[in-house]
C-alpha atoms as a PDB file:
ATOM      1  CA  MET A   1      86.899 173.147 112.634  1.00  0.00           C
ATOM      2  CA  ASN A   2      86.833 173.640 108.912  1.00  0.00           C
ATOM      3  CA  SER A   3      83.338 172.224 108.740  1.00  0.00           C
ATOM      4  CA  GLU A   4      82.268 175.108 111.043  1.00  0.00           C
ATOM      5  CA  ARG A   5      83.205 177.650 108.489  1.00  0.00           C
ATOM      6  CA  GLN A   6      80.228 178.512 106.601  1.00  0.00           C
ATOM      7  CA  PHE A   7      80.652 182.347 105.968  1.00  0.00           C
ATOM      8  CA  ARG A   8      79.373 184.393 103.025  1.00  0.00           C
ATOM      9  CA  THR A   9      81.744 183.937 100.131  1.00  0.00           C
ATOM     10  CA  THR A  10      82.111 187.897  99.801  1.00  0.00           C
ATOM     11  CA  LEU A  11      84.360 187.840 102.845  1.00  0.00           C
ATOM     12  CA  THR A  12      88.218 187.967 101.849  1.00  0.00           C
ATOM     13  CA  SER A  13      90.447 185.286 103.456  1.00  0.00           C
ATOM     14  CA  LYS A  14      91.588 187.969 105.927  1.00  0.00           C
ATOM     15  CA  GLN A  15      88.066 188.956 106.998  1.00  0.00           C
ATOM     16  CA  ASN A  16      87.242 185.179 107.093  1.00  0.00           C
ATOM     17  CA  LEU A  17      90.039 184.502 109.609  1.00  0.00           C
ATOM     18  CA  SER A  18      89.392 187.484 111.729  1.00  0.00           C
ATOM     19  CA  LEU A  19      85.578 186.522 111.923  1.00  0.00           C
ATOM     20  CA  LEU A  20      86.666 183.014 112.890  1.00  0.00           C
ATOM     21  CA  LYS A  21      88.846 184.280 115.458  1.00  0.00           C
ATOM     22  CA  MET A  22      86.334 186.341 117.004  1.00  0.00           C
ATOM     23  CA  LEU A  23      83.767 183.417 116.991  1.00  0.00           C
ATOM     24  CA  ARG A  24      86.471 181.042 118.902  1.00  0.00           C
ATOM     25  CA  LYS A  25      87.208 183.767 121.485  1.00  0.00           C
ATOM     26  CA  ASN A  26      83.632 184.287 122.164  1.00  0.00           C
ATOM     27  CA  ARG A  27      82.674 180.722 121.825  1.00  0.00           C
ATOM     28  CA  PRO A  28      80.375 180.246 124.697  1.00  0.00           C
ATOM     29  CA  ALA A  29      78.059 182.873 122.999  1.00  0.00           C
ATOM     30  CA  PHE A  30      77.722 181.032 119.617  1.00  0.00           C
ATOM     31  CA  SER A  31      77.922 177.377 120.893  1.00  0.00           C
ATOM     32  CA  ILE A  32      77.219 175.187 123.783  1.00  0.00           C
ATOM     33  CA  GLY A  33      79.795 172.756 125.108  1.00  0.00           C
ATOM     34  CA  GLU A  34      81.754 170.975 122.194  1.00  0.00           C
ATOM     35  CA  GLU A  35      79.283 171.541 119.790  1.00  0.00           C
ATOM     36  CA  PRO A  36      80.181 173.238 116.447  1.00  0.00           C
ATOM     37  CA  LEU A  37      80.014 176.831 116.313  1.00  0.00           C
ATOM     38  CA  GLY A  38      76.476 178.222 115.632  1.00  0.00           C
ATOM     39  CA  THR A  39      75.023 174.762 116.800  1.00  0.00           C
ATOM     40  CA  ILE A  40      72.599 175.853 119.906  1.00  0.00           C
ATOM     41  CA  VAL A  41      69.547 173.430 119.362  1.00  0.00           C
ATOM     42  CA  GLY A  42      66.316 175.277 119.650  1.00  0.00           C
ATOM     43  CA  HIS A  43      67.822 178.664 119.347  1.00  0.00           C
ATOM     44  CA  ASP A  44      68.217 178.835 115.304  1.00  0.00           C
ATOM     45  CA  ILE A  45      68.782 182.544 114.002  1.00  0.00           C
ATOM     46  CA  GLU A  46      70.070 184.073 110.793  1.00  0.00           C
ATOM     47  CA  LEU A  47      72.608 186.808 111.570  1.00  0.00           C
ATOM     48  CA  TYR A  48      73.138 189.468 108.855  1.00  0.00           C
ATOM     49  CA  LEU A  49      76.357 191.643 109.042  1.00  0.00           C
ATOM     50  CA  ASP A  50      75.842 194.617 107.236  1.00  0.00           C
ATOM     51  CA  VAL A  51      78.857 197.016 106.532  1.00  0.00           C
ATOM     52  CA  GLU A  52      77.492 198.698 103.102  1.00  0.00           C
ATOM     53  CA  ARG A  53      76.432 202.125 103.268  1.00  0.00           C
ATOM     54  CA  PRO A  54      73.957 203.344 103.981  1.00  0.00           C
ATOM     55  CA  TYR A  55      74.916 202.167 107.587  1.00  0.00           C
ATOM     56  CA  PRO A  56      72.173 201.172 110.320  1.00  0.00           C
ATOM     57  CA  PRO A  57      71.277 204.303 112.638  1.00  0.00           C
ATOM     58  CA  MET A  58      73.488 202.545 115.288  1.00  0.00           C
ATOM     59  CA  LEU A  59      76.541 202.579 113.090  1.00  0.00           C
ATOM     60  CA  ARG A  60      76.148 205.992 112.435  1.00  0.00           C
ATOM     61  CA  SER A  61      76.213 207.477 115.992  1.00  0.00           C
ATOM     62  CA  PRO A  62      79.515 207.761 118.056  1.00  0.00           C
ATOM     63  CA  PRO A  63      79.584 205.497 120.930  1.00  0.00           C
ATOM     64  CA  TYR A  64      79.949 208.554 123.235  1.00  0.00           C
ATOM     65  CA  PRO A  65      79.538 212.331 123.060  1.00  0.00           C
ATOM     66  CA  ALA A  66      82.794 213.792 121.323  1.00  0.00           C
ATOM     67  CA  SER A  67      83.220 216.924 122.760  1.00  0.00           C
ATOM     68  CA  LEU A  68      83.599 218.034 126.646  1.00  0.00           C
ATOM     69  CA  LYS A  69      80.631 220.344 126.338  1.00  0.00           C
ATOM     70  CA  THR A  70      77.985 217.524 125.303  1.00  0.00           C
ATOM     71  CA  ARG A  71      79.511 215.374 128.246  1.00  0.00           C
ATOM     72  CA  LYS A  72      78.439 217.755 131.107  1.00  0.00           C
END
């Protein structure tokens, strides 16, 4: 599976391994059958993961209201 790993060089070895584990765990979302990860013919996309500040708006909001008052 080494030929499948073409991640940004800015990732640390630990981040690279973590990303690869996540991709393998969710393989049906990133490949079809025994094709290499990221190879879905006719569905080419470029995925950019940004974790630098300022964060995108969706990352700034909590996933659910934090206080009981706002939940009701």
